[in-house]
Protein backbone atom coordinates (compact mmCIF):
# COMPACT_ATOMS: atom_id res chain seq x y z
CA MET A 1 -14.95 131.46 125.93
CA SER A 2 -14.47 135.24 125.45
CA ASN A 3 -17.81 136.95 125.74
CA ASP A 4 -16.79 140.03 123.75
CA TYR A 5 -18.67 139.00 120.93
CA VAL A 6 -16.70 141.13 118.53
CA PHE A 7 -15.30 138.46 115.62
CA HIS A 8 -14.78 134.96 115.85
CA ALA A 9 -14.17 132.58 113.19
CA GLY A 10 -14.50 128.10 113.18
CA GLU A 11 -14.70 125.75 111.21
CA ALA A 12 -15.39 122.74 110.62
CA THR A 13 -15.17 119.88 108.60
CA VAL A 14 -18.05 115.91 108.70
CA LEU A 15 -17.46 113.88 106.71
CA ALA A 16 -20.52 112.07 104.44
CA ALA A 17 -21.35 107.88 104.27
CA GLU A 18 -19.03 105.78 101.71
CA GLY A 19 -19.63 106.42 98.74
CA GLN A 20 -21.29 110.26 98.93
CA PHE A 21 -20.72 113.88 97.95
CA THR A 22 -21.64 115.42 100.67
CA ASP A 23 -18.63 116.82 102.97
CA ALA A 24 -19.50 119.74 105.24
CA MET A 25 -17.16 122.03 105.06
CA PRO A 26 -18.54 125.07 106.75
CA GLU A 27 -16.40 128.40 107.56
CA ILE A 28 -18.43 130.50 110.32
CA LEU A 29 -17.57 134.00 111.02
CA ILE A 30 -19.49 135.27 114.18
CA GLY A 31 -20.31 138.98 115.50
CA ARG A 32 -22.04 142.12 117.20
CA THR A 33 -24.48 143.10 114.37
CA ASN A 34 -22.40 147.22 114.41
CA GLY A 35 -18.44 145.45 114.30
CA PRO A 36 -16.60 144.14 111.49
CA VAL A 37 -18.89 141.31 110.80
CA GLY A 38 -21.67 142.84 111.18
CA GLN A 39 -19.72 145.11 108.71
CA ALA A 40 -18.54 142.05 106.31
CA PHE A 41 -22.32 140.72 106.85
CA ALA A 42 -23.70 144.09 104.98
CA ASN A 43 -21.56 144.41 102.22
CA MET A 44 -21.96 140.75 101.37
CA MET A 45 -25.37 141.15 100.20
CA ALA A 46 -24.35 142.80 96.99
CA GLN A 47 -24.38 139.37 94.49
CA SER A 48 -21.34 138.29 92.73
CA LYS A 49 -22.54 135.68 89.91
CA GLY A 50 -22.16 132.38 91.09
CA HIS A 51 -21.54 132.99 94.55
CA THR A 52 -25.51 134.22 95.76
CA ALA A 53 -25.84 134.85 99.03
CA MET A 54 -28.49 133.58 101.15
CA PHE A 55 -29.82 134.23 104.86
CA ALA A 56 -30.31 131.34 105.93
CA ILE A 57 -34.37 130.49 106.75
CA ARG A 58 -35.67 127.95 107.90
CA ALA A 59 -38.97 128.23 106.17
CA CYS A 60 -40.72 130.71 104.25
CA ASN A 61 -41.02 134.15 106.90
CA GLN A 62 -39.28 131.91 109.10
CA MET A 63 -35.44 134.01 108.94
CA VAL A 64 -32.79 132.76 112.05
CA ARG A 65 -32.13 135.00 114.66
CA PRO A 66 -28.65 135.28 115.30
CA ALA A 67 -29.25 136.54 111.19
CA THR A 68 -26.77 134.33 109.22
CA ILE A 69 -26.04 134.54 105.53
CA THR A 70 -24.92 131.31 103.39
CA VAL A 71 -22.27 131.75 100.91
CA PRO A 72 -20.94 128.86 98.38
CA LYS A 73 -18.03 128.78 98.35
CA VAL A 74 -17.37 127.16 94.88
CA THR A 75 -19.30 129.02 92.14
CA LEU A 76 -22.56 127.53 91.85
CA LYS A 77 -22.98 126.88 87.89
CA ASP A 78 -26.46 125.37 87.48
CA VAL A 79 -30.31 125.10 88.88
CA ALA A 80 -29.55 121.54 90.50
CA ASN A 81 -26.79 122.99 92.61
CA ILE A 82 -28.46 126.12 93.37
CA ASP A 83 -31.20 124.08 94.24
CA LEU A 84 -29.41 122.18 96.88
CA PHE A 85 -27.68 125.03 98.02
CA GLY A 86 -31.36 127.23 98.81
CA GLY A 87 -32.59 123.79 100.10
CA VAL A 88 -31.13 121.06 101.87
CA VAL A 89 -27.94 123.48 102.94
CA GLN A 90 -29.90 126.49 103.62
CA SER A 91 -31.99 124.16 106.28
CA ALA A 92 -29.28 122.64 107.69
CA THR A 93 -27.31 126.14 108.71
CA ALA A 94 -30.78 126.95 109.75
CA ASP A 95 -31.80 124.51 112.11
CA ALA A 96 -28.21 124.18 113.07
CA VAL A 97 -28.37 128.27 114.28
CA VAL A 98 -31.44 127.84 116.47
CA ASP A 99 -30.40 124.83 117.91
CA CYS A 100 -27.26 126.42 119.32
CA VAL A 101 -29.84 129.57 120.28
CA ALA A 102 -31.77 126.69 121.67
CA GLU A 103 -28.62 124.89 123.42
CA GLY A 104 -27.09 128.24 125.11
CA ILE A 105 -24.19 128.12 122.82
CA ILE A 106 -24.71 131.37 121.70
CA PRO A 107 -26.90 133.18 123.89
CA LYS A 108 -30.67 133.26 123.28
CA ALA A 109 -29.62 137.29 125.13
CA LEU A 110 -27.71 138.32 122.10
CA ALA A 111 -29.97 136.68 119.23
CA ASN A 112 -30.57 140.35 117.61
CA GLU A 113 -27.09 141.46 118.07
CA LEU A 114 -25.44 138.89 116.89
CA CYS A 115 -24.84 137.71 113.14
CA ILE A 116 -22.99 135.00 111.12
CA ILE A 117 -21.21 134.69 107.98
CA SER A 118 -21.79 131.17 106.95
CA LEU A 119 -18.86 129.76 103.61
CA VAL A 120 -20.44 126.67 103.04
CA TRP A 121 -19.59 123.79 100.19
CA ILE A 122 -21.30 121.95 98.37
CA ASP A 123 -19.33 119.20 95.98
CA PRO A 124 -20.24 120.15 92.48
CA ARG A 125 -20.51 115.65 91.62
CA CYS A 126 -24.03 116.41 94.36
CA ALA A 127 -26.33 117.56 91.24
CA LYS A 128 -25.51 115.09 89.66
CA ASP A 129 -25.07 111.95 91.18
CA PRO A 130 -28.17 109.87 90.29
CA ASN A 131 -27.50 108.45 94.18
CA LEU A 132 -27.34 111.79 96.02
CA ASP A 133 -28.26 111.52 99.63
CA LYS A 134 -30.05 114.86 101.11
CA LYS A 135 -30.49 113.09 104.30
CA ASP A 136 -26.53 112.70 104.35
CA MET A 137 -26.42 116.11 103.00
CA TYR A 138 -28.44 117.87 105.48
CA ARG A 139 -26.90 115.87 108.82
CA THR A 140 -22.88 116.63 107.24
CA ASN A 141 -24.33 120.64 107.24
CA TYR A 142 -25.89 120.38 110.62
CA GLU A 143 -23.27 119.01 112.39
CA ALA A 144 -20.79 120.49 111.10
CA THR A 145 -22.10 124.14 111.00
CA LYS A 146 -22.67 123.55 115.26
CA LEU A 147 -19.54 122.13 115.53
CA ALA A 148 -17.72 125.42 113.89
CA ILE A 149 -20.05 127.72 115.96
CA LYS A 150 -18.96 126.59 118.71
CA ARG A 151 -15.18 126.12 117.53
CA ALA A 152 -15.27 129.85 117.11
CA LEU A 153 -17.26 130.68 120.26
CA ASN A 154 -14.55 128.62 122.64
CA ASN A 155 -12.06 130.20 120.12
CA GLU A 156 -11.00 125.74 119.30
CA PRO A 157 -8.71 125.49 118.38
CA SER A 158 -6.52 126.91 120.95
CA ILE A 159 -2.48 128.29 119.97
CA ASP A 160 -1.42 126.00 122.79
CA GLU A 161 -3.46 122.78 120.74
CA LEU A 162 -1.95 124.51 117.19
CA ILE A 163 1.92 124.66 118.44
CA ALA A 164 1.13 121.47 120.37
CA ASN A 165 0.19 119.79 117.49
CA ARG A 166 2.34 121.64 114.72
CA HIS A 167 4.74 118.49 113.19
CA THR A 168 2.50 115.89 114.18
CA ILE A 169 -0.69 116.87 112.07
CA LYS A 170 -0.91 117.50 108.61
CA HIS A 171 -3.62 118.96 105.87
CA ASP A 172 -5.77 116.66 104.25
CA MET A 173 -4.56 117.34 101.24
CA ASP A 174 -0.73 117.19 102.09
CA ASP A 175 1.03 115.12 99.42
CA TRP A 176 4.16 117.33 98.90
CA SER A 177 5.96 116.95 102.16
């Protein structure tokens, strides 16, 4: 693991339980507040229609450290999806960040010097699904966020792994090759 903490990027996908639309696919940037990630973090405080950025909080008055901002990858068009983003997804993200510090994935001594940007996926079908399992939505977002942070800080996958798998692993949505 590189210990410069200037700019680390990671992603992960955790699939939903059968019949759910709660797949989680966070894309994470983590770095020092006084570096490029910190600058991007500050710039994300400006809101854009349908992509409201929120701090990751565990509860009111309980913003996590490192400071983490969550931003939806898709336009949130209705209150139901905004509620899922600002509730289940925000909570799962916040818990994952705190647990990464507790488990030593993120050094506790740097908790106030680092910041995290988390781009998160909410399938627009979730809010309209009468069988939506919010516990599964929490699980997928929690697990994927922890994994994305770990991968970011470990620079995974390595370039050697990517080269070795170049012709054997295809994109999940690949129907063109």
